[in-house]
Amino acid sequence: MKSKTFPFSIALCSFLTSAFLLLSFLPSAVQAGPWRVGILQSVNHQALNDTTRGVKQYFRDEKIAVDFILRVGADSSDSQKTLKNMLDEIVDYDPDLIITLGTQSSQLAARHIDAVPVVFNAVTDPVGSGLVKNLAKSGTNMTGLSDMSPVSAQLEMILMVHPELKSLGIMFSEFEQNAVMIRNHLKAACDKKNIKLTEAPVGRQDSVAASAAGIIDQVEAIYIPTDNNIVARLADLMQVSFRHNIPLYAADPSSVEKGAVAALCFNYFSIGLQTGEIGLKVLKGDDPADMPVGKPRDTSITINVKSADIMELNLPMNLLLAADKIYNSIPDDTL
């Protein structure tokens, strides 16, 4: 009796050979299981929270399986030590990619991570912060997005509300490279408009409220940049602002929700989506050293009409019409 298994064996071998050849032509980044992605967020505030949310949403939208480990730094005097411990936890997770949000976490990764690719965002000056060699081609294991604030446009927005503005204050952390750079850009923009910029630098241990009180009688309005240290203490700053009837303008929408009059800023959820897009390219094999540092695509205007009413400000109609988000309330702890 003839065996009927021989033709079947030939067909099976042919199928397996074809399958092997097909797989051999697939990209090397095909993943057997979910990718492991660590996220180190410098501090807990809304802009960075929105960015993290955007990163996760991007991978969900793309139907990419990812296991995330998220660590968020604390607003404390030993924040660097805390962040380093969190970075160690992420490294122990054996990630395929690390995403850093904010300058402090990104600089920490630059000092301690060289075997894992890193994608950063919410960093104003990636070159000055030591993350990349130049913006066109990073030359390191890091790439990402710079959120250098559009300070000239922000100043124009303030002038829409205060067309006769002659004096403006700025609160910034003197130990934050990004904040110092924004101060420099704002100073240049103010000089072109013959506006005196009065500075209130804040140290790690300084009181934000006391620093604000030191300049409050010298200015008509105060601007705060994308400065994690200042934003984390915004409630104290808002109390000084309301007490002296000096309006505060910000560079992130969460500060407007908490009482600042207005902000022209990047959309940080959108920044998160862009970060996820860059991260996926790296996971699929792109070398960060050969990638340029990107810029955010979307800006938005946020206004708090309640704050404007308390400050007795007349917001121009064209500014109100341009607003993407309008708040009409203020948290109790800021009044």
C-alpha atoms as a PDB file:
ATOM      1  CA  MET A   1       0.000   0.000   0.000  1.00  0.00           C
ATOM      2  CA  LYS A   2       1.448   3.366  -0.990  1.00  0.00           C
ATOM      3  CA  SER A   3       1.957   6.015   1.649  1.00  0.00           C
ATOM      4  CA  LYS A   4      -0.018   9.237   1.202  1.00  0.00           C
ATOM      5  CA  THR A   5       2.176  11.274   3.577  1.00  0.00           C
ATOM      6  CA  PHE A   6       5.013  11.976   1.139  1.00  0.00           C
ATOM      7  CA  PRO A   7       3.222  14.617  -0.983  1.00  0.00           C
ATOM      8  CA  PHE A   8       1.945  16.256   2.206  1.00  0.00           C
ATOM      9  CA  SER A   9       5.494  16.444   3.592  1.00  0.00           C
ATOM     10  CA  ILE A  10       6.706  18.116   0.415  1.00  0.00           C
ATOM     11  CA  ALA A  11       3.874  20.666   0.618  1.00  0.00           C
ATOM     12  CA  LEU A  12       4.616  21.340   4.297  1.00  0.00           C
ATOM     13  CA  CYS A  13       8.327  21.848   3.618  1.00  0.00           C
ATOM     14  CA  SER A  14       7.492  24.177   0.740  1.00  0.00           C
ATOM     15  CA  PHE A  15       5.156  26.219   2.984  1.00  0.00           C
ATOM     16  CA  LEU A  16       7.715  26.493   5.790  1.00  0.00           C
ATOM     17  CA  THR A  17      10.446  27.507   3.342  1.00  0.00           C
ATOM     18  CA  SER A  18       8.220  30.234   1.871  1.00  0.00           C
ATOM     19  CA  ALA A  19       7.301  31.467   5.335  1.00  0.00           C
ATOM     20  CA  PHE A  20      10.976  31.614   6.346  1.00  0.00           C
ATOM     21  CA  LEU A  21      11.879  33.569   3.225  1.00  0.00           C
ATOM     22  CA  LEU A  22       8.996  35.994   3.808  1.00  0.00           C
ATOM     23  CA  LEU A  23      10.006  36.637   7.415  1.00  0.00           C
ATOM     24  CA  SER A  24      13.617  37.171   6.380  1.00  0.00           C
ATOM     25  CA  PHE A  25      12.523  40.202   4.331  1.00  0.00           C
ATOM     26  CA  LEU A  26      10.517  41.826   7.139  1.00  0.00           C
ATOM     27  CA  PRO A  27      12.120  44.767   9.003  1.00  0.00           C
ATOM     28  CA  SER A  28      14.442  43.745  11.815  1.00  0.00           C
ATOM     29  CA  ALA A  29      12.372  45.772  14.288  1.00  0.00           C
ATOM     30  CA  VAL A  30       9.402  43.346  14.143  1.00  0.00           C
ATOM     31  CA  GLN A  31       8.647  42.717  17.808  1.00  0.00           C
ATOM     32  CA  ALA A  32       7.678  39.352  19.274  1.00  0.00           C
ATOM     33  CA  GLY A  33       5.873  41.061  22.145  1.00  0.00           C
ATOM     34  CA  PRO A  34       5.077  44.589  23.351  1.00  0.00           C
ATOM     35  CA  TRP A  35       7.871  47.149  23.325  1.00  0.00           C
ATOM     36  CA  ARG A  36       9.008  48.393  26.713  1.00  0.00           C
ATOM     37  CA  VAL A  37       9.013  52.184  27.001  1.00  0.00           C
ATOM     38  CA  GLY A  38      10.077  54.088  30.093  1.00  0.00           C
ATOM     39  CA  ILE A  39       8.815  57.645  30.664  1.00  0.00           C
ATOM     40  CA  LEU A  40      10.623  59.932  33.119  1.00  0.00           C
ATOM     41  CA  GLN A  41       8.665  63.135  33.799  1.00  0.00           C
ATOM     42  CA  SER A  42      10.582  65.890  35.602  1.00  0.00           C
ATOM     43  CA  VAL A  43       7.692  67.103  37.740  1.00  0.00           C
ATOM     44  CA  ASN A  44       3.938  66.768  38.109  1.00  0.00           C
ATOM     45  CA  HIS A  45       2.146  69.600  36.341  1.00  0.00           C
ATOM     46  CA  GLN A  46      -0.533  69.753  33.698  1.00  0.00           C
ATOM     47  CA  ALA A  47       1.558  70.541  30.603  1.00  0.00           C
ATOM     48  CA  LEU A  48       3.830  67.540  31.157  1.00  0.00           C
ATOM     49  CA  ASN A  49       0.871  65.375  32.173  1.00  0.00           C
ATOM     50  CA  ASP A  50      -0.780  66.268  28.851  1.00  0.00           C
ATOM     51  CA  THR A  51       2.423  65.359  27.038  1.00  0.00           C
ATOM     52  CA  THR A  52       2.546  61.931  28.682  1.00  0.00           C
ATOM     53  CA  ARG A  53      -1.098  61.422  27.806  1.00  0.00           C
ATOM     54  CA  GLY A  54      -0.351  62.312  24.176  1.00  0.00           C
ATOM     55  CA  VAL A  55       2.546  59.840  23.979  1.00  0.00           C
ATOM     56  CA  LYS A  56       0.366  56.975  25.169  1.00  0.00           C
ATOM     57  CA  GLN A  57      -2.488  58.025  22.887  1.00  0.00           C
ATOM     58  CA  TYR A  58      -0.217  57.962  19.837  1.00  0.00           C
ATOM     59  CA  PHE A  59       0.698  54.319  20.365  1.00  0.00           C
ATOM     60  CA  ARG A  60      -2.949  53.442  21.015  1.00  0.00           C
ATOM     61  CA  ASP A  61      -4.006  55.185  17.802  1.00  0.00           C
ATOM     62  CA  GLU A  62      -1.327  53.312  15.863  1.00  0.00           C
ATOM     63  CA  LYS A  63      -2.376  50.038  17.524  1.00  0.00           C
ATOM     64  CA  ILE A  64       1.189  49.463  18.692  1.00  0.00           C
ATOM     65  CA  ALA A  65       1.574  47.196  21.723  1.00  0.00           C
ATOM     66  CA  VAL A  66       3.646  48.997  24.373  1.00  0.00           C
ATOM     67  CA  ASP A  67       4.231  48.335  28.054  1.00  0.00           C
ATOM     68  CA  PHE A  68       4.925  51.685  29.734  1.00  0.00           C
ATOM     69  CA  ILE A  69       6.679  52.379  33.006  1.00  0.00           C
ATOM     70  CA  LEU A  70       6.022  55.970  34.114  1.00  0.00           C
ATOM     71  CA  ARG A  71       7.887  57.798  36.857  1.00  0.00           C
ATOM     72  CA  VAL A  72       7.079  61.400  37.842  1.00  0.00           C
ATOM     73  CA  GLY A  73       9.508  63.538  39.827  1.00  0.00           C
ATOM     74  CA  ALA A  74       8.539  65.337  43.007  1.00  0.00           C
ATOM     75  CA  ASP A  75       8.699  69.078  43.584  1.00  0.00           C
ATOM     76  CA  SER A  76      11.257  69.025  46.397  1.00  0.00           C
ATOM     77  CA  SER A  77      14.759  70.159  47.306  1.00  0.00           C
ATOM     78  CA  ASP A  78      16.134  66.668  46.599  1.00  0.00           C
ATOM     79  CA  SER A  79      14.367  66.347  43.236  1.00  0.00           C
ATOM     80  CA  GLN A  80      17.584  65.404  41.396  1.00  0.00           C
ATOM     81  CA  LYS A  81      18.216  62.490  43.766  1.00  0.00           C
ATOM     82  CA  THR A  82      14.603  61.397  43.433  1.00  0.00           C
ATOM     83  CA  LEU A  83      14.744  61.568  39.627  1.00  0.00           C
ATOM     84  CA  LYS A  84      17.981  59.570  39.572  1.00  0.00           C
ATOM     85  CA  ASN A  85      16.342  56.821  41.638  1.00  0.00           C
ATOM     86  CA  MET A  86      13.396  56.821  39.242  1.00  0.00           C
ATOM     87  CA  LEU A  87      15.706  56.628  36.234  1.00  0.00           C
ATOM     88  CA  ASP A  88      17.416  53.617  37.832  1.00  0.00           C
ATOM     89  CA  GLU A  89      14.008  51.950  38.201  1.00  0.00           C
ATOM     90  CA  ILE A  90      13.306  52.536  34.507  1.00  0.00           C
ATOM     91  CA  VAL A  91      16.706  51.104  33.520  1.00  0.00           C
ATOM     92  CA  ASP A  92      16.017  48.008  35.645  1.00  0.00           C
ATOM     93  CA  TYR A  93      12.855  47.566  33.570  1.00  0.00           C
ATOM     94  CA  ASP A  94      15.157  46.928  30.561  1.00  0.00           C
ATOM     95  CA  PRO A  95      13.347  49.347  28.217  1.00  0.00           C
ATOM     96  CA  ASP A  96      13.655  49.489  24.446  1.00  0.00           C
ATOM     97  CA  LEU A  97      13.222  53.266  24.608  1.00  0.00           C
ATOM     98  CA  ILE A  98      13.263  55.989  27.264  1.00  0.00           C
ATOM     99  CA  ILE A  99      11.177  59.156  26.886  1.00  0.00           C
ATOM    100  CA  THR A 100      12.109  62.136  29.053  1.00  0.00           C
ATOM    101  CA  LEU A 101       9.852  65.115  29.728  1.00  0.00           C
ATOM    102  CA  GLY A 102      11.516  68.318  30.882  1.00  0.00           C
ATOM    103  CA  THR A 103      15.108  69.529  31.056  1.00  0.00           C
ATOM    104  CA  GLN A 104      16.051  68.000  34.407  1.00  0.00           C
ATOM    105  CA  SER A 105      15.024  64.453  33.499  1.00  0.00           C
ATOM    106  CA  SER A 106      16.549  64.804  30.018  1.00  0.00           C
ATOM    107  CA  GLN A 107      19.905  66.028  31.334  1.00  0.00           C
ATOM    108  CA  LEU A 108      19.910  63.198  33.848  1.00  0.00           C
ATOM    109  CA  ALA A 109      19.396  60.681  31.044  1.00  0.00           C
ATOM    110  CA  ALA A 110      22.158  62.344  29.008  1.00  0.00           C
ATOM    111  CA  ARG A 111      24.602  61.847  31.882  1.00  0.00           C
ATOM    112  CA  HIS A 112      23.683  58.272  32.746  1.00  0.00           C
ATOM    113  CA  ILE A 113      22.160  56.560  29.675  1.00  0.00           C
ATOM    114  CA  ASP A 114      24.134  55.576  26.601  1.00  0.00           C
ATOM    115  CA  ALA A 115      22.977  52.033  25.808  1.00  0.00           C
ATOM    116  CA  VAL A 116      19.303  52.884  25.308  1.00  0.00           C
ATOM    117  CA  PRO A 117      17.871  55.435  22.822  1.00  0.00           C
ATOM    118  CA  VAL A 118      16.229  58.461  24.436  1.00  0.00           C
ATOM    119  CA  VAL A 119      13.530  60.761  23.020  1.00  0.00           C
ATOM    120  CA  PHE A 120      13.102  64.034  24.924  1.00  0.00           C
ATOM    121  CA  ASN A 121      10.546  66.827  24.849  1.00  0.00           C
ATOM    122  CA  ALA A 122       9.633  69.972  26.811  1.00  0.00           C
ATOM    123  CA  VAL A 123      13.278  71.085  26.516  1.00  0.00           C
ATOM    124  CA  THR A 124      13.850  74.651  25.357  1.00  0.00           C
ATOM    125  CA  ASP A 125      17.565  74.455  24.524  1.00  0.00           C
ATOM    126  CA  PRO A 126      18.686  70.893  23.699  1.00  0.00           C
ATOM    127  CA  VAL A 127      22.171  72.030  22.591  1.00  0.00           C
ATOM    128  CA  GLY A 128      22.825  74.306  25.564  1.00  0.00           C
ATOM    129  CA  SER A 129      21.465  71.627  27.900  1.00  0.00           C
ATOM    130  CA  GLY A 130      24.042  69.158  26.565  1.00  0.00           C
ATOM    131  CA  LEU A 131      21.549  66.719  25.044  1.00  0.00           C
ATOM    132  CA  VAL A 132      22.578  66.968  21.379  1.00  0.00           C
ATOM    133  CA  LYS A 133      25.510  68.329  19.401  1.00  0.00           C
ATOM    134  CA  ASN A 134      23.332  70.303  16.984  1.00  0.00           C
ATOM    135  CA  LEU A 135      19.674  70.535  16.038  1.00  0.00           C
ATOM    136  CA  ALA A 136      20.074  69.221  12.487  1.00  0.00           C
ATOM    137  CA  LYS A 137      21.705  65.943  13.509  1.00  0.00           C
ATOM    138  CA  SER A 138      21.869  65.096  17.190  1.00  0.00           C
ATOM    139  CA  GLY A 139      25.100  63.074  17.128  1.00  0.00           C
ATOM    140  CA  THR A 140      24.077  61.316  20.364  1.00  0.00           C
ATOM    141  CA  ASN A 141      21.724  58.573  21.505  1.00  0.00           C
ATOM    142  CA  MET A 142      19.086  61.288  22.036  1.00  0.00           C
ATOM    143  CA  THR A 143      16.645  63.144  19.820  1.00  0.00           C
ATOM    144  CA  GLY A 144      13.243  64.745  20.343  1.00  0.00           C
ATOM    145  CA  LEU A 145      11.404  68.064  20.374  1.00  0.00           C
ATOM    146  CA  SER A 146      12.392  71.543  21.504  1.00  0.00           C
ATOM    147  CA  ASP A 147       9.592  73.636  23.010  1.00  0.00           C
ATOM    148  CA  MET A 148      11.367  76.973  22.796  1.00  0.00           C
ATOM    149  CA  SER A 149       8.575  79.418  23.608  1.00  0.00           C
ATOM    150  CA  PRO A 150       7.481  81.834  20.864  1.00  0.00           C
ATOM    151  CA  VAL A 151       8.318  84.781  23.121  1.00  0.00           C
ATOM    152  CA  SER A 152       7.880  87.475  20.463  1.00  0.00           C
ATOM    153  CA  ALA A 153       4.347  86.272  19.751  1.00  0.00           C
ATOM    154  CA  GLN A 154       3.674  86.029  23.491  1.00  0.00           C
ATOM    155  CA  LEU A 155       4.802  89.615  23.983  1.00  0.00           C
ATOM    156  CA  GLU A 156       2.548  90.726  21.126  1.00  0.00           C
ATOM    157  CA  MET A 157      -0.369  89.010  22.869  1.00  0.00           C
ATOM    158  CA  ILE A 158       0.388  90.902  26.105  1.00  0.00           C
ATOM    159  CA  LEU A 159       0.550  94.145  24.133  1.00  0.00           C
ATOM    160  CA  MET A 160      -2.914  93.443  22.742  1.00  0.00           C
ATOM    161  CA  VAL A 161      -4.196  93.789  26.323  1.00  0.00           C
ATOM    162  CA  HIS A 162      -1.693  96.483  27.409  1.00  0.00           C
ATOM    163  CA  PRO A 163      -0.914  98.542  24.271  1.00  0.00           C
ATOM    164  CA  GLU A 164       0.906 101.214  26.330  1.00  0.00           C
ATOM    165  CA  LEU A 165       3.009  98.730  28.304  1.00  0.00           C
ATOM    166  CA  LYS A 166       6.321 100.198  29.495  1.00  0.00           C
ATOM    167  CA  SER A 167       7.431  97.736  32.178  1.00  0.00           C
ATOM    168  CA  LEU A 168       7.177  93.952  32.318  1.00  0.00           C
ATOM    169  CA  GLY A 169       8.402  91.549  34.977  1.00  0.00           C
ATOM    170  CA  ILE A 170       9.648  87.999  34.503  1.00  0.00           C
ATOM    171  CA  MET A 171       9.862  85.220  37.086  1.00  0.00           C
ATOM    172  CA  PHE A 172      12.322  82.464  36.224  1.00  0.00           C
ATOM    173  CA  SER A 173      14.468  79.821  37.920  1.00  0.00           C
ATOM    174  CA  GLU A 174      18.102  80.881  37.672  1.00  0.00           C
ATOM    175  CA  PHE A 175      19.196  77.204  37.783  1.00  0.00           C
ATOM    176  CA  GLU A 176      16.966  76.215  34.814  1.00  0.00           C
ATOM    177  CA  GLN A 177      18.903  76.482  31.528  1.00  0.00           C
ATOM    178  CA  ASN A 178      15.657  76.694  29.584  1.00  0.00           C
ATOM    179  CA  ALA A 179      14.208  79.480  31.699  1.00  0.00           C
ATOM    180  CA  VAL A 180      17.400  81.539  31.446  1.00  0.00           C
ATOM    181  CA  MET A 181      17.364  81.182  27.654  1.00  0.00           C
ATOM    182  CA  ILE A 182      13.741  82.333  27.467  1.00  0.00           C
ATOM    183  CA  ARG A 183      14.652  85.312  29.669  1.00  0.00           C
ATOM    184  CA  ASN A 184      17.343  86.257  27.161  1.00  0.00           C
ATOM    185  CA  HIS A 185      14.950  86.025  24.213  1.00  0.00           C
ATOM    186  CA  LEU A 186      12.274  88.035  26.028  1.00  0.00           C
ATOM    187  CA  LYS A 187      14.826  90.710  26.929  1.00  0.00           C
ATOM    188  CA  ALA A 188      15.718  91.096  23.252  1.00  0.00           C
ATOM    189  CA  ALA A 189      12.036  91.302  22.271  1.00  0.00           C
ATOM    190  CA  CYS A 190      11.327  93.907  24.977  1.00  0.00           C
ATOM    191  CA  ASP A 191      14.313  96.012  23.926  1.00  0.00           C
ATOM    192  CA  LYS A 192      12.871  96.243  20.405  1.00  0.00           C
ATOM    193  CA  LYS A 193       9.604  97.563  21.884  1.00  0.00           C
ATOM    194  CA  ASN A 194      11.271  99.940  24.387  1.00  0.00           C
ATOM    195  CA  ILE A 195       9.807  97.943  27.262  1.00  0.00           C
ATOM    196  CA  LYS A 196      11.790  97.660  30.475  1.00  0.00           C
ATOM    197  CA  LEU A 197      12.119  94.024  31.576  1.00  0.00           C
ATOM    198  CA  THR A 198      12.509  93.638  35.341  1.00  0.00           C
ATOM    199  CA  GLU A 199      13.847  90.262  36.430  1.00  0.00           C
ATOM    200  CA  ALA A 200      13.049  88.186  39.508  1.00  0.00           C
ATOM    201  CA  PRO A 201      15.374  85.152  39.424  1.00  0.00           C
ATOM    202  CA  VAL A 202      14.428  82.361  41.818  1.00  0.00           C
ATOM    203  CA  GLY A 203      16.853  79.915  43.446  1.00  0.00           C
ATOM    204  CA  ARG A 204      16.084  76.338  44.471  1.00  0.00           C
ATOM    205  CA  GLN A 205      15.309  77.319  48.055  1.00  0.00           C
ATOM    206  CA  ASP A 206      13.804  80.757  47.364  1.00  0.00           C
ATOM    207  CA  SER A 207      10.190  81.698  47.953  1.00  0.00           C
ATOM    208  CA  VAL A 208       8.456  82.427  44.658  1.00  0.00           C
ATOM    209  CA  ALA A 209       6.003  84.734  46.433  1.00  0.00           C
ATOM    210  CA  ALA A 210       8.810  86.726  48.068  1.00  0.00           C
ATOM    211  CA  SER A 211      10.659  87.049  44.761  1.00  0.00           C
ATOM    212  CA  ALA A 212       7.490  88.325  43.086  1.00  0.00           C
ATOM    213  CA  ALA A 213       6.849  90.786  45.905  1.00  0.00           C
ATOM    214  CA  GLY A 214      10.316  92.220  45.285  1.00  0.00           C
ATOM    215  CA  ILE A 215       9.405  93.463  41.791  1.00  0.00           C
ATOM    216  CA  ILE A 216       5.623  93.828  41.977  1.00  0.00           C
ATOM    217  CA  ASP A 217       5.727  97.626  42.486  1.00  0.00           C
ATOM    218  CA  GLN A 218       8.041  98.107  39.484  1.00  0.00           C
ATOM    219  CA  VAL A 219       5.995  96.406  36.756  1.00  0.00           C
ATOM    220  CA  GLU A 220       2.634  96.601  34.987  1.00  0.00           C
ATOM    221  CA  ALA A 221       2.425  92.865  34.312  1.00  0.00           C
ATOM    222  CA  ILE A 222       4.415  89.672  34.960  1.00  0.00           C
ATOM    223  CA  TYR A 223       5.354  86.898  32.538  1.00  0.00           C
ATOM    224  CA  ILE A 224       6.293  83.357  33.556  1.00  0.00           C
ATOM    225  CA  PRO A 225       8.003  81.002  31.085  1.00  0.00           C
ATOM    226  CA  THR A 226       7.721  77.222  30.789  1.00  0.00           C
ATOM    227  CA  ASP A 227       9.554  76.852  34.077  1.00  0.00           C
ATOM    228  CA  ASN A 228       8.642  73.746  36.071  1.00  0.00           C
ATOM    229  CA  ASN A 229       9.863  75.226  39.353  1.00  0.00           C
ATOM    230  CA  ILE A 230       7.765  78.396  39.003  1.00  0.00           C
ATOM    231  CA  VAL A 231       4.655  76.679  37.637  1.00  0.00           C
ATOM    232  CA  ALA A 232       4.684  74.167  40.512  1.00  0.00           C
ATOM    233  CA  ARG A 233       4.387  77.126  42.946  1.00  0.00           C
ATOM    234  CA  LEU A 234       1.878  79.092  40.898  1.00  0.00           C
ATOM    235  CA  ALA A 235      -0.749  79.356  43.655  1.00  0.00           C
ATOM    236  CA  ASP A 236       1.652  81.421  45.813  1.00  0.00           C
ATOM    237  CA  LEU A 237       2.516  83.644  42.872  1.00  0.00           C
ATOM    238  CA  MET A 238      -1.142  84.183  41.968  1.00  0.00           C
ATOM    239  CA  GLN A 239      -1.907  85.368  45.487  1.00  0.00           C
ATOM    240  CA  VAL A 240       0.712  88.123  45.112  1.00  0.00           C
ATOM    241  CA  SER A 241      -0.630  88.956  41.650  1.00  0.00           C
ATOM    242  CA  PHE A 242      -4.234  89.385  42.834  1.00  0.00           C
ATOM    243  CA  ARG A 243      -3.253  91.212  46.019  1.00  0.00           C
ATOM    244  CA  HIS A 244      -1.410  93.898  44.048  1.00  0.00           C
ATOM    245  CA  ASN A 245      -3.696  93.826  40.991  1.00  0.00           C
ATOM    246  CA  ILE A 246      -0.806  93.005  38.640  1.00  0.00           C
ATOM    247  CA  PRO A 247      -1.853  90.578  35.863  1.00  0.00           C
ATOM    248  CA  LEU A 248       0.130  87.435  35.198  1.00  0.00           C
ATOM    249  CA  TYR A 249       0.738  86.017  31.704  1.00  0.00           C
ATOM    250  CA  ALA A 250       2.005  82.495  31.133  1.00  0.00           C
ATOM    251  CA  ALA A 251       3.521  80.167  28.560  1.00  0.00           C
ATOM    252  CA  ASP A 252       1.380  77.126  29.368  1.00  0.00           C
ATOM    253  CA  PRO A 253      -2.407  76.652  29.515  1.00  0.00           C
ATOM    254  CA  SER A 254      -2.488  75.017  32.962  1.00  0.00           C
ATOM    255  CA  SER A 255      -1.305  78.298  34.502  1.00  0.00           C
ATOM    256  CA  VAL A 256      -4.293  80.098  32.957  1.00  0.00           C
ATOM    257  CA  GLU A 257      -6.664  77.568  34.466  1.00  0.00           C
ATOM    258  CA  LYS A 258      -5.100  78.450  37.832  1.00  0.00           C
ATOM    259  CA  GLY A 259      -5.460  82.204  37.431  1.00  0.00           C
ATOM    260  CA  ALA A 260      -3.091  83.680  34.843  1.00  0.00           C
ATOM    261  CA  VAL A 261      -4.903  86.033  32.471  1.00  0.00           C
ATOM    262  CA  ALA A 262      -3.753  84.434  29.228  1.00  0.00           C
ATOM    263  CA  ALA A 263      -1.187  82.232  27.543  1.00  0.00           C
ATOM    264  CA  LEU A 264      -0.047  81.744  23.977  1.00  0.00           C
ATOM    265  CA  CYS A 265       1.603  78.379  24.021  1.00  0.00           C
ATOM    266  CA  PHE A 266       2.207  75.050  22.424  1.00  0.00           C
ATOM    267  CA  ASN A 267      -0.409  72.324  22.674  1.00  0.00           C
ATOM    268  CA  TYR A 268       1.335  69.831  24.942  1.00  0.00           C
ATOM    269  CA  PHE A 269      -0.997  66.954  24.147  1.00  0.00           C
ATOM    270  CA  SER A 270      -0.030  67.473  20.504  1.00  0.00           C
ATOM    271  CA  ILE A 271       3.630  67.539  21.565  1.00  0.00           C
ATOM    272  CA  GLY A 272       3.028  64.147  23.156  1.00  0.00           C
ATOM    273  CA  LEU A 273       1.601  62.797  19.909  1.00  0.00           C
ATOM    274  CA  GLN A 274       4.672  64.063  18.032  1.00  0.00           C
ATOM    275  CA  THR A 275       6.955  62.522  20.643  1.00  0.00           C
ATOM    276  CA  GLY A 276       5.235  59.187  20.213  1.00  0.00           C
ATOM    277  CA  GLU A 277       5.713  59.454  16.451  1.00  0.00           C
ATOM    278  CA  ILE A 278       9.460  60.058  16.880  1.00  0.00           C
ATOM    279  CA  GLY A 279       9.666  57.264  19.449  1.00  0.00           C
ATOM    280  CA  LEU A 280       8.096  54.756  17.066  1.00  0.00           C
ATOM    281  CA  LYS A 281      10.630  55.640  14.365  1.00  0.00           C
ATOM    282  CA  VAL A 282      13.422  54.942  16.847  1.00  0.00           C
ATOM    283  CA  LEU A 283      11.831  51.668  17.933  1.00  0.00           C
ATOM    284  CA  LYS A 284      11.643  50.618  14.289  1.00  0.00           C
ATOM    285  CA  GLY A 285      15.360  51.164  13.832  1.00  0.00           C
ATOM    286  CA  ASP A 286      16.054  54.837  13.106  1.00  0.00           C
ATOM    287  CA  ASP A 287      19.255  56.033  14.787  1.00  0.00           C
ATOM    288  CA  PRO A 288      18.702  59.093  17.046  1.00  0.00           C
ATOM    289  CA  ALA A 289      22.225  60.288  16.206  1.00  0.00           C
ATOM    290  CA  ASP A 290      21.138  60.860  12.599  1.00  0.00           C
ATOM    291  CA  MET A 291      17.784  62.473  13.400  1.00  0.00           C
ATOM    292  CA  PRO A 292      17.071  66.212  13.675  1.00  0.00           C
ATOM    293  CA  VAL A 293      15.474  67.805  16.718  1.00  0.00           C
ATOM    294  CA  GLY A 294      11.906  68.758  15.853  1.00  0.00           C
ATOM    295  CA  LYS A 295       9.614  71.647  16.773  1.00  0.00           C
ATOM    296  CA  PRO A 296       5.992  71.512  17.958  1.00  0.00           C
ATOM    297  CA  ARG A 297       3.399  71.885  15.206  1.00  0.00           C
ATOM    298  CA  ASP A 298       0.487  73.459  17.056  1.00  0.00           C
ATOM    299  CA  THR A 299       0.028  76.569  19.213  1.00  0.00           C
ATOM    300  CA  SER A 300      -3.034  77.685  21.123  1.00  0.00           C
ATOM    301  CA  ILE A 301      -4.361  80.658  23.092  1.00  0.00           C
ATOM    302  CA  THR A 302      -5.936  80.185  26.493  1.00  0.00           C
ATOM    303  CA  ILE A 303      -7.729  82.963  28.413  1.00  0.00           C
ATOM    304  CA  ASN A 304      -9.185  83.308  31.903  1.00  0.00           C
ATOM    305  CA  VAL A 305     -11.939  85.922  31.759  1.00  0.00           C
ATOM    306  CA  LYS A 306     -12.523  85.695  35.521  1.00  0.00           C
ATOM    307  CA  SER A 307      -8.949  86.807  36.179  1.00  0.00           C
ATOM    308  CA  ALA A 308      -9.319  89.582  33.629  1.00  0.00           C
ATOM    309  CA  ASP A 309     -12.494  90.801  35.385  1.00  0.00           C
ATOM    310  CA  ILE A 310     -10.788  90.824  38.785  1.00  0.00           C
ATOM    311  CA  MET A 311      -7.876  92.782  37.294  1.00  0.00           C
ATOM    312  CA  GLU A 312     -10.353  95.119  35.546  1.00  0.00           C
ATOM    313  CA  LEU A 313      -8.836  94.371  32.157  1.00  0.00           C
ATOM    314  CA  ASN A 314     -10.654  94.893  28.879  1.00  0.00           C
ATOM    315  CA  LEU A 315      -9.733  91.954  26.697  1.00  0.00           C
ATOM    316  CA  PRO A 316      -9.887  92.874  22.988  1.00  0.00           C
ATOM    317  CA  MET A 317     -12.488  91.014  20.955  1.00  0.00           C
ATOM    318  CA  ASN A 318      -9.944  89.720  18.428  1.00  0.00           C
ATOM    319  CA  LEU A 319      -8.025  88.038  21.269  1.00  0.00           C
ATOM    320  CA  LEU A 320     -11.204  86.462  22.639  1.00  0.00           C
ATOM    321  CA  LEU A 321     -12.160  85.197  19.187  1.00  0.00           C
ATOM    322  CA  ALA A 322      -8.686  83.687  18.721  1.00  0.00           C
ATOM    323  CA  ALA A 323      -8.846  81.783  22.009  1.00  0.00           C
ATOM    324  CA  ASP A 324      -8.911  77.992  21.836  1.00  0.00           C
ATOM    325  CA  LYS A 325      -9.933  77.676  25.495  1.00  0.00           C
ATOM    326  CA  ILE A 326     -11.630  80.167  27.849  1.00  0.00           C
ATOM    327  CA  TYR A 327     -11.880  79.701  31.613  1.00  0.00           C
ATOM    328  CA  ASN A 328     -14.319  81.594  33.828  1.00  0.00           C
ATOM    329  CA  SER A 329     -13.205  80.477  37.265  1.00  0.00           C
ATOM    330  CA  ILE A 330     -10.223  80.578  39.612  1.00  0.00           C
ATOM    331  CA  PRO A 331      -9.152  78.009  42.239  1.00  0.00           C
ATOM    332  CA  ASP A 332      -9.869  79.100  45.790  1.00  0.00           C
ATOM    333  CA  ASP A 333      -6.218  78.740  46.880  1.00  0.00           C
ATOM    334  CA  THR A 334      -5.072  81.488  44.486  1.00  0.00           C
ATOM    335  CA  LEU A 335      -7.264  84.301  45.847  1.00  0.00           C
END
